[in-house]
Amino acid sequence: MELAQRLLTCKQCDKRKFDPNTGLVCSLTLRKPEFENDCNDFVIDPKEVAKLNAKAYTAEKESGSSLSTWGVIVIILFVIRFVMRMMRD
């Protein structure tokens, strides 16, 4: 997994932190993400998810469609990830 993809995951994590010299880092390691597929310490940030959903809703509303395909996909992915994480714990 590329760094850009890992950072997208980190942007949705409650344990993210911003370092002015490095950028987005993990608050546990204070480094850029190094996980391969999934971060074992990932905790979803509900505020960030709400922001993403609001952006998707606004973009879809401006385009004229009543149902945001991307918004639904994002929600489904978060639910799947949450369920998988709960099953592991």
PDB file of N, CA and C in Angstrom:
ATOM      1  N   MET A   1       0.851  -1.172   0.000  1.00  0.00           N
ATOM      2  CA  MET A   1       0.000   0.000   0.000  1.00  0.00           C
ATOM      3  C   MET A   1       0.902   1.242   0.000  1.00  0.00           C
ATOM      4  N   GLU A   2       0.571   2.192  -0.828  1.00  0.00           N
ATOM      5  CA  GLU A   2       1.356   3.414  -0.938  1.00  0.00           C
ATOM      6  C   GLU A   2       1.101   4.339   0.244  1.00  0.00           C
ATOM      7  N   LEU A   3       2.047   5.257   0.464  1.00  0.00           N
ATOM      8  CA  LEU A   3       1.928   6.209   1.566  1.00  0.00           C
ATOM      9  C   LEU A   3       0.662   7.044   1.435  1.00  0.00           C
ATOM     10  N   ALA A   4       0.320   7.463   0.232  1.00  0.00           N
ATOM     11  CA  ALA A   4      -0.875   8.290   0.021  1.00  0.00           C
ATOM     12  C   ALA A   4      -2.136   7.546   0.469  1.00  0.00           C
ATOM     13  N   GLN A   5      -2.202   6.247   0.189  1.00  0.00           N
ATOM     14  CA  GLN A   5      -3.360   5.455   0.608  1.00  0.00           C
ATOM     15  C   GLN A   5      -3.386   5.288   2.125  1.00  0.00           C
ATOM     16  N   ARG A   6      -2.218   5.073   2.724  1.00  0.00           N
ATOM     17  CA  ARG A   6      -2.164   4.948   4.188  1.00  0.00           C
ATOM     18  C   ARG A   6      -2.567   6.254   4.849  1.00  0.00           C
ATOM     19  N   LEU A   7      -2.151   7.382   4.269  1.00  0.00           N
ATOM     20  CA  LEU A   7      -2.508   8.679   4.841  1.00  0.00           C
ATOM     21  C   LEU A   7      -4.021   8.926   4.766  1.00  0.00           C
ATOM     22  N   LEU A   8      -4.677   8.421   3.720  1.00  0.00           N
ATOM     23  CA  LEU A   8      -6.139   8.538   3.641  1.00  0.00           C
ATOM     24  C   LEU A   8      -6.803   7.814   4.804  1.00  0.00           C
ATOM     25  N   THR A   9      -6.267   6.665   5.166  1.00  0.00           N
ATOM     26  CA  THR A   9      -6.780   5.942   6.326  1.00  0.00           C
ATOM     27  C   THR A   9      -6.526   6.752   7.590  1.00  0.00           C
ATOM     28  N   CYS A  10      -5.330   7.297   7.710  1.00  0.00           N
ATOM     29  CA  CYS A  10      -4.969   8.070   8.903  1.00  0.00           C
ATOM     30  C   CYS A  10      -5.827   9.329   9.051  1.00  0.00           C
ATOM     31  N   LYS A  11      -6.216   9.925   7.948  1.00  0.00           N
ATOM     32  CA  LYS A  11      -7.049  11.129   8.016  1.00  0.00           C
ATOM     33  C   LYS A  11      -8.403  10.841   8.644  1.00  0.00           C
ATOM     34  N   GLN A  12      -8.819   9.580   8.649  1.00  0.00           N
ATOM     35  CA  GLN A  12     -10.104   9.192   9.214  1.00  0.00           C
ATOM     36  C   GLN A  12      -9.957   8.598  10.614  1.00  0.00           C
ATOM     37  N   CYS A  13      -8.732   8.579  11.133  1.00  0.00           N
ATOM     38  CA  CYS A  13      -8.445   7.966  12.428  1.00  0.00           C
ATOM     39  C   CYS A  13      -8.418   9.016  13.530  1.00  0.00           C
ATOM     40  N   ASP A  14      -8.958   8.640  14.668  1.00  0.00           N
ATOM     41  CA  ASP A  14      -8.986   9.527  15.828  1.00  0.00           C
ATOM     42  C   ASP A  14      -7.598   9.711  16.438  1.00  0.00           C
ATOM     43  N   LYS A  15      -6.658   8.842  16.095  1.00  0.00           N
ATOM     44  CA  LYS A  15      -5.319   8.895  16.675  1.00  0.00           C
ATOM     45  C   LYS A  15      -4.315   9.641  15.788  1.00  0.00           C
ATOM     46  N   ARG A  16      -4.816  10.395  14.828  1.00  0.00           N
ATOM     47  CA  ARG A  16      -3.907  11.139  13.965  1.00  0.00           C
ATOM     48  C   ARG A  16      -3.433  12.402  14.687  1.00  0.00           C
ATOM     49  N   LYS A  17      -2.313  12.910  14.223  1.00  0.00           N
ATOM     50  CA  LYS A  17      -1.740  14.117  14.791  1.00  0.00           C
ATOM     51  C   LYS A  17      -1.029  14.851  13.662  1.00  0.00           C
ATOM     52  N   PHE A  18      -0.977  16.164  13.756  1.00  0.00           N
ATOM     53  CA  PHE A  18      -0.270  16.947  12.737  1.00  0.00           C
ATOM     54  C   PHE A  18       1.032  17.461  13.317  1.00  0.00           C
ATOM     55  N   ASP A  19       2.106  17.154  12.635  1.00  0.00           N
ATOM     56  CA  ASP A  19       3.431  17.665  12.995  1.00  0.00           C
ATOM     57  C   ASP A  19       3.793  18.702  11.939  1.00  0.00           C
ATOM     58  N   PRO A  20       4.072  19.942  12.340  1.00  0.00           N
ATOM     59  CA  PRO A  20       4.360  20.989  11.342  1.00  0.00           C
ATOM     60  C   PRO A  20       5.563  20.688  10.453  1.00  0.00           C
ATOM     61  N   ASN A  21       6.487  19.870  10.920  1.00  0.00           N
ATOM     62  CA  ASN A  21       7.670  19.538  10.122  1.00  0.00           C
ATOM     63  C   ASN A  21       7.448  18.314   9.234  1.00  0.00           C
ATOM     64  N   THR A  22       6.631  17.378   9.706  1.00  0.00           N
ATOM     65  CA  THR A  22       6.454  16.113   9.006  1.00  0.00           C
ATOM     66  C   THR A  22       5.130  16.014   8.274  1.00  0.00           C
ATOM     67  N   GLY A  23       4.100  16.649   8.809  1.00  0.00           N
ATOM     68  CA  GLY A  23       2.750  16.537   8.266  1.00  0.00           C
ATOM     69  C   GLY A  23       1.927  15.617   9.142  1.00  0.00           C
ATOM     70  N   LEU A  24       1.026  14.868   8.539  1.00  0.00           N
ATOM     71  CA  LEU A  24       0.151  13.963   9.275  1.00  0.00           C
ATOM     72  C   LEU A  24       0.948  12.762   9.777  1.00  0.00           C
ATOM     73  N   VAL A  25       0.871  12.514  11.093  1.00  0.00           N
ATOM     74  CA  VAL A  25       1.571  11.393  11.704  1.00  0.00           C
ATOM     75  C   VAL A  25       0.638  10.687  12.679  1.00  0.00           C
ATOM     76  N   CYS A  26       1.044   9.504  13.112  1.00  0.00           N
ATOM     77  CA  CYS A  26       0.306   8.749  14.116  1.00  0.00           C
ATOM     78  C   CYS A  26       0.676   9.310  15.484  1.00  0.00           C
ATOM     79  N   SER A  27      -0.313   9.548  16.339  1.00  0.00           N
ATOM     80  CA  SER A  27      -0.020  10.076  17.669  1.00  0.00           C
ATOM     81  C   SER A  27       0.645   9.026  18.560  1.00  0.00           C
ATOM     82  N   LEU A  28       0.584   7.756  18.166  1.00  0.00           N
ATOM     83  CA  LEU A  28       1.213   6.698  18.965  1.00  0.00           C
ATOM     84  C   LEU A  28       2.703   6.570  18.656  1.00  0.00           C
ATOM     85  N   THR A  29       3.061   6.714  17.375  1.00  0.00           N
ATOM     86  CA  THR A  29       4.462   6.536  16.968  1.00  0.00           C
ATOM     87  C   THR A  29       5.148   7.864  16.628  1.00  0.00           C
ATOM     88  N   LEU A  30       4.359   8.898  16.394  1.00  0.00           N
ATOM     89  CA  LEU A  30       4.853  10.214  15.962  1.00  0.00           C
ATOM     90  C   LEU A  30       5.621  10.121  14.640  1.00  0.00           C
ATOM     91  N   ARG A  31       5.227   9.133  13.808  1.00  0.00           N
ATOM     92  CA  ARG A  31       5.831   8.958  12.490  1.00  0.00           C
ATOM     93  C   ARG A  31       4.741   8.780  11.449  1.00  0.00           C
ATOM     94  N   LYS A  32       5.155   8.868  10.188  1.00  0.00           N
ATOM     95  CA  LYS A  32       4.246   8.578   9.076  1.00  0.00           C
ATOM     96  C   LYS A  32       3.772   7.135   9.207  1.00  0.00           C
ATOM     97  N   PRO A  33       2.602   6.812   8.675  1.00  0.00           N
ATOM     98  CA  PRO A  33       2.091   5.442   8.804  1.00  0.00           C
ATOM     99  C   PRO A  33       2.985   4.430   8.094  1.00  0.00           C
ATOM    100  N   GLU A  34       3.163   3.279   8.748  1.00  0.00           N
ATOM    101  CA  GLU A  34       4.020   2.232   8.198  1.00  0.00           C
ATOM    102  C   GLU A  34       3.289   0.903   8.037  1.00  0.00           C
ATOM    103  N   PHE A  35       1.986   0.851   8.340  1.00  0.00           N
ATOM    104  CA  PHE A  35       1.260  -0.411   8.228  1.00  0.00           C
ATOM    105  C   PHE A  35       1.143  -0.829   6.771  1.00  0.00           C
ATOM    106  N   GLU A  36       0.942  -2.127   6.569  1.00  0.00           N
ATOM    107  CA  GLU A  36       0.849  -2.656   5.203  1.00  0.00           C
ATOM    108  C   GLU A  36      -0.576  -2.582   4.651  1.00  0.00           C
ATOM    109  N   ASN A  37      -1.514  -3.282   5.259  1.00  0.00           N
ATOM    110  CA  ASN A  37      -2.885  -3.303   4.756  1.00  0.00           C
ATOM    111  C   ASN A  37      -3.859  -2.608   5.691  1.00  0.00           C
ATOM    112  N   ASP A  38      -3.796  -2.941   6.962  1.00  0.00           N
ATOM    113  CA  ASP A  38      -4.679  -2.347   7.970  1.00  0.00           C
ATOM    114  C   ASP A  38      -3.860  -1.923   9.165  1.00  0.00           C
ATOM    115  N   CYS A  39      -4.264  -0.840   9.776  1.00  0.00           N
ATOM    116  CA  CYS A  39      -3.633  -0.374  11.003  1.00  0.00           C
ATOM    117  C   CYS A  39      -4.353  -1.031  12.180  1.00  0.00           C
ATOM    118  N   ASN A  40      -3.614  -1.717  13.020  1.00  0.00           N
ATOM    119  CA  ASN A  40      -4.210  -2.394  14.176  1.00  0.00           C
ATOM    120  C   ASN A  40      -4.729  -1.416  15.226  1.00  0.00           C
ATOM    121  N   ASP A  41      -4.237  -0.182  15.194  1.00  0.00           N
ATOM    122  CA  ASP A  41      -4.630   0.812  16.193  1.00  0.00           C
ATOM    123  C   ASP A  41      -5.678   1.796  15.672  1.00  0.00           C
ATOM    124  N   PHE A  42      -6.225   1.542  14.491  1.00  0.00           N
ATOM    125  CA  PHE A  42      -7.189   2.454  13.872  1.00  0.00           C
ATOM    126  C   PHE A  42      -8.448   2.596  14.726  1.00  0.00           C
ATOM    127  N   VAL A  43      -8.804   3.858  14.995  1.00  0.00           N
ATOM    128  CA  VAL A  43     -10.057   4.181  15.690  1.00  0.00           C
ATOM    129  C   VAL A  43     -10.736   5.254  14.847  1.00  0.00           C
ATOM    130  N   ILE A  44     -11.901   4.938  14.351  1.00  0.00           N
ATOM    131  CA  ILE A  44     -12.589   5.862  13.446  1.00  0.00           C
ATOM    132  C   ILE A  44     -12.942   7.158  14.164  1.00  0.00           C
ATOM    133  N   ASP A  45     -12.726   8.275  13.481  1.00  0.00           N
ATOM    134  CA  ASP A  45     -13.064   9.590  14.013  1.00  0.00           C
ATOM    135  C   ASP A  45     -14.427   9.987  13.456  1.00  0.00           C
ATOM    136  N   PRO A  46     -15.481   9.947  14.292  1.00  0.00           N
ATOM    137  CA  PRO A  46     -16.827  10.226  13.798  1.00  0.00           C
ATOM    138  C   PRO A  46     -16.974  11.636  13.214  1.00  0.00           C
ATOM    139  N   LYS A  47     -16.238  12.600  13.748  1.00  0.00           N
ATOM    140  CA  LYS A  47     -16.311  13.967  13.220  1.00  0.00           C
ATOM    141  C   LYS A  47     -15.785  14.026  11.793  1.00  0.00           C
ATOM    142  N   GLU A  48     -14.692  13.318  11.547  1.00  0.00           N
ATOM    143  CA  GLU A  48     -14.112  13.316  10.201  1.00  0.00           C
ATOM    144  C   GLU A  48     -15.026  12.595   9.219  1.00  0.00           C
ATOM    145  N   VAL A  49     -15.638  11.501   9.654  1.00  0.00           N
ATOM    146  CA  VAL A  49     -16.580  10.778   8.808  1.00  0.00           C
ATOM    147  C   VAL A  49     -17.773  11.668   8.470  1.00  0.00           C
ATOM    148  N   ALA A  50     -18.260  12.408   9.453  1.00  0.00           N
ATOM    149  CA  ALA A  50     -19.379  13.324   9.218  1.00  0.00           C
ATOM    150  C   ALA A  50     -18.989  14.393   8.197  1.00  0.00           C
ATOM    151  N   LYS A  51     -17.752  14.895   8.299  1.00  0.00           N
ATOM    152  CA  LYS A  51     -17.279  15.896   7.326  1.00  0.00           C
ATOM    153  C   LYS A  51     -17.238  15.313   5.923  1.00  0.00           C
ATOM    154  N   LEU A  52     -16.695  14.099   5.807  1.00  0.00           N
ATOM    155  CA  LEU A  52     -16.617  13.453   4.490  1.00  0.00           C
ATOM    156  C   LEU A  52     -18.004  13.219   3.911  1.00  0.00           C
ATOM    157  N   ASN A  53     -18.933  12.783   4.755  1.00  0.00           N
ATOM    158  CA  ASN A  53     -20.300  12.555   4.290  1.00  0.00           C
ATOM    159  C   ASN A  53     -20.970  13.860   3.879  1.00  0.00           C
ATOM    160  N   ALA A  54     -20.711  14.932   4.637  1.00  0.00           N
ATOM    161  CA  ALA A  54     -21.283  16.235   4.298  1.00  0.00           C
ATOM    162  C   ALA A  54     -20.735  16.734   2.964  1.00  0.00           C
ATOM    163  N   LYS A  55     -19.442  16.545   2.752  1.00  0.00           N
ATOM    164  CA  LYS A  55     -18.835  16.955   1.478  1.00  0.00           C
ATOM    165  C   LYS A  55     -19.428  16.158   0.323  1.00  0.00           C
ATOM    166  N   ALA A  56     -19.579  14.859   0.523  1.00  0.00           N
ATOM    167  CA  ALA A  56     -20.145  14.008  -0.529  1.00  0.00           C
ATOM    168  C   ALA A  56     -21.589  14.407  -0.809  1.00  0.00           C
ATOM    169  N   TYR A  57     -22.332  14.700   0.238  1.00  0.00           N
ATOM    170  CA  TYR A  57     -23.733  15.107   0.078  1.00  0.00           C
ATOM    171  C   TYR A  57     -23.824  16.434  -0.682  1.00  0.00           C
ATOM    172  N   THR A  58     -22.992  17.396  -0.299  1.00  0.00           N
ATOM    173  CA  THR A  58     -22.994  18.703  -0.959  1.00  0.00           C
ATOM    174  C   THR A  58     -22.613  18.576  -2.431  1.00  0.00           C
ATOM    175  N   ALA A  59     -21.580  17.791  -2.699  1.00  0.00           N
ATOM    176  CA  ALA A  59     -21.140  17.612  -4.089  1.00  0.00           C
ATOM    177  C   ALA A  59     -22.225  16.938  -4.920  1.00  0.00           C
ATOM    178  N   GLU A  60     -22.884  15.946  -4.341  1.00  0.00           N
ATOM    179  CA  GLU A  60     -23.932  15.236  -5.066  1.00  0.00           C
ATOM    180  C   GLU A  60     -25.151  16.129  -5.272  1.00  0.00           C
ATOM    181  N   LYS A  61     -25.466  16.931  -4.268  1.00  0.00           N
ATOM    182  CA  LYS A  61     -26.611  17.826  -4.377  1.00  0.00           C
ATOM    183  C   LYS A  61     -26.377  18.865  -5.482  1.00  0.00           C
ATOM    184  N   GLU A  62     -25.137  19.360  -5.563  1.00  0.00           N
ATOM    185  CA  GLU A  62     -24.797  20.335  -6.601  1.00  0.00           C
ATOM    186  C   GLU A  62     -24.846  19.716  -7.990  1.00  0.00           C
ATOM    187  N   SER A  63     -24.570  18.423  -8.078  1.00  0.00           N
ATOM    188  CA  SER A  63     -24.590  17.775  -9.389  1.00  0.00           C
ATOM    189  C   SER A  63     -26.005  17.407  -9.820  1.00  0.00           C
ATOM    190  N   GLY A  64     -26.968  17.487  -8.879  1.00  0.00           N
ATOM    191  CA  GLY A  64     -28.360  17.261  -9.236  1.00  0.00           C
ATOM    192  C   GLY A  64     -28.896  15.887  -8.915  1.00  0.00           C
ATOM    193  N   SER A  65     -28.046  14.967  -8.529  1.00  0.00           N
ATOM    194  CA  SER A  65     -28.510  13.619  -8.205  1.00  0.00           C
ATOM    195  C   SER A  65     -28.981  13.571  -6.756  1.00  0.00           C
ATOM    196  N   SER A  66     -30.014  12.781  -6.491  1.00  0.00           N
ATOM    197  CA  SER A  66     -30.571  12.753  -5.144  1.00  0.00           C
ATOM    198  C   SER A  66     -29.834  11.796  -4.218  1.00  0.00           C
ATOM    199  N   LEU A  67     -29.133  10.795  -4.747  1.00  0.00           N
ATOM    200  CA  LEU A  67     -28.426   9.831  -3.914  1.00  0.00           C
ATOM    201  C   LEU A  67     -26.948   9.855  -4.249  1.00  0.00           C
ATOM    202  N   SER A  68     -26.156  10.099  -3.249  1.00  0.00           N
ATOM    203  CA  SER A  68     -24.721  10.174  -3.442  1.00  0.00           C
ATOM    204  C   SER A  68     -24.123   8.771  -3.495  1.00  0.00           C
ATOM    205  N   THR A  69     -23.704   8.365  -4.656  1.00  0.00           N
ATOM    206  CA  THR A  69     -23.089   7.047  -4.812  1.00  0.00           C
ATOM    207  C   THR A  69     -21.825   6.957  -3.976  1.00  0.00           C
ATOM    208  N   TRP A  70     -20.990   7.978  -4.049  1.00  0.00           N
ATOM    209  CA  TRP A  70     -19.742   7.969  -3.280  1.00  0.00           C
ATOM    210  C   TRP A  70     -20.030   8.014  -1.788  1.00  0.00           C
ATOM    211  N   GLY A  71     -21.017   8.752  -1.379  1.00  0.00           N
ATOM    212  CA  GLY A  71     -21.378   8.808   0.036  1.00  0.00           C
ATOM    213  C   GLY A  71     -21.800   7.447   0.549  1.00  0.00           C
ATOM    214  N   VAL A  72     -22.608   6.744  -0.234  1.00  0.00           N
ATOM    215  CA  VAL A  72     -23.057   5.402   0.144  1.00  0.00           C
ATOM    216  C   VAL A  72     -21.866   4.451   0.203  1.00  0.00           C
ATOM    217  N   ILE A  73     -20.967   4.543  -0.764  1.00  0.00           N
ATOM    218  CA  ILE A  73     -19.780   3.681  -0.784  1.00  0.00           C
ATOM    219  C   ILE A  73     -18.922   3.937   0.446  1.00  0.00           C
ATOM    220  N   VAL A  74     -18.706   5.201   0.781  1.00  0.00           N
ATOM    221  CA  VAL A  74     -17.904   5.554   1.952  1.00  0.00           C
ATOM    222  C   VAL A  74     -18.534   4.986   3.217  1.00  0.00           C
ATOM    223  N   ILE A  75     -19.824   5.139   3.378  1.00  0.00           N
ATOM    224  CA  ILE A  75     -20.508   4.629   4.563  1.00  0.00           C
ATOM    225  C   ILE A  75     -20.398   3.112   4.638  1.00  0.00           C
ATOM    226  N   ILE A  76     -20.605   2.439   3.521  1.00  0.00           N
ATOM    227  CA  ILE A  76     -20.512   0.975   3.491  1.00  0.00           C
ATOM    228  C   ILE A  76     -19.103   0.520   3.873  1.00  0.00           C
ATOM    229  N   LEU A  77     -18.087   1.190   3.332  1.00  0.00           N
ATOM    230  CA  LEU A  77     -16.713   0.820   3.659  1.00  0.00           C
ATOM    231  C   LEU A  77     -16.422   1.013   5.145  1.00  0.00           C
ATOM    232  N   PHE A  78     -16.916   2.111   5.721  1.00  0.00           N
ATOM    233  CA  PHE A  78     -16.699   2.347   7.148  1.00  0.00           C
ATOM    234  C   PHE A  78     -17.402   1.302   7.988  1.00  0.00           C
ATOM    235  N   VAL A  79     -18.597   0.939   7.610  1.00  0.00           N
ATOM    236  CA  VAL A  79     -19.341  -0.079   8.361  1.00  0.00           C
ATOM    237  C   VAL A  79     -18.630  -1.426   8.267  1.00  0.00           C
ATOM    238  N   ILE A  80     -18.187  -1.795   7.081  1.00  0.00           N
ATOM    239  CA  ILE A  80     -17.475  -3.060   6.908  1.00  0.00           C
ATOM    240  C   ILE A  80     -16.202  -3.078   7.734  1.00  0.00           C
ATOM    241  N   ARG A  81     -15.446  -1.989   7.669  1.00  0.00           N
ATOM    242  CA  ARG A  81     -14.196  -1.907   8.426  1.00  0.00           C
ATOM    243  C   ARG A  81     -14.465  -1.978   9.931  1.00  0.00           C
ATOM    244  N   PHE A  82     -15.498  -1.295  10.386  1.00  0.00           N
ATOM    245  CA  PHE A  82     -15.856  -1.306  11.795  1.00  0.00           C
ATOM    246  C   PHE A  82     -16.242  -2.712  12.246  1.00  0.00           C
ATOM    247  N   VAL A  83     -17.059  -3.393  11.464  1.00  0.00           N
ATOM    248  CA  VAL A  83     -17.485  -4.753  11.809  1.00  0.00           C
ATOM    249  C   VAL A  83     -16.291  -5.698  11.829  1.00  0.00           C
ATOM    250  N   MET A  84     -15.408  -5.576  10.841  1.00  0.00           N
ATOM    251  CA  MET A  84     -14.230  -6.436  10.803  1.00  0.00           C
ATOM    252  C   MET A  84     -13.355  -6.193  12.027  1.00  0.00           C
ATOM    253  N   ARG A  85     -13.172  -4.957  12.408  1.00  0.00           N
ATOM    254  CA  ARG A  85     -12.354  -4.615  13.567  1.00  0.00           C
ATOM    255  C   ARG A  85     -12.981  -5.166  14.845  1.00  0.00           C
ATOM    256  N   MET A  86     -14.307  -5.064  14.949  1.00  0.00           N
ATOM    257  CA  MET A  86     -15.003  -5.570  16.132  1.00  0.00           C
ATOM    258  C   MET A  86     -14.890  -7.096  16.204  1.00  0.00           C
ATOM    259  N   MET A  87     -14.906  -7.760  15.059  1.00  0.00           N
ATOM    260  CA  MET A  87     -14.790  -9.206  15.038  1.00  0.00           C
ATOM    261  C   MET A  87     -13.406  -9.668  15.458  1.00  0.00           C
ATOM    262  N   ARG A  88     -12.369  -8.870  15.130  1.00  0.00           N
ATOM    263  CA  ARG A  88     -11.006  -9.201  15.503  1.00  0.00           C
ATOM    264  C   ARG A  88     -10.773  -9.047  16.994  1.00  0.00           C
ATOM    265  N   ASP A  89     -11.419  -8.046  17.583  1.00  0.00           N
ATOM    266  CA  ASP A  89     -11.201  -7.771  19.018  1.00  0.00           C
ATOM    267  C   ASP A  89     -11.980  -8.641  19.891  1.00  0.00           C
TER     268      ASP A  89
END
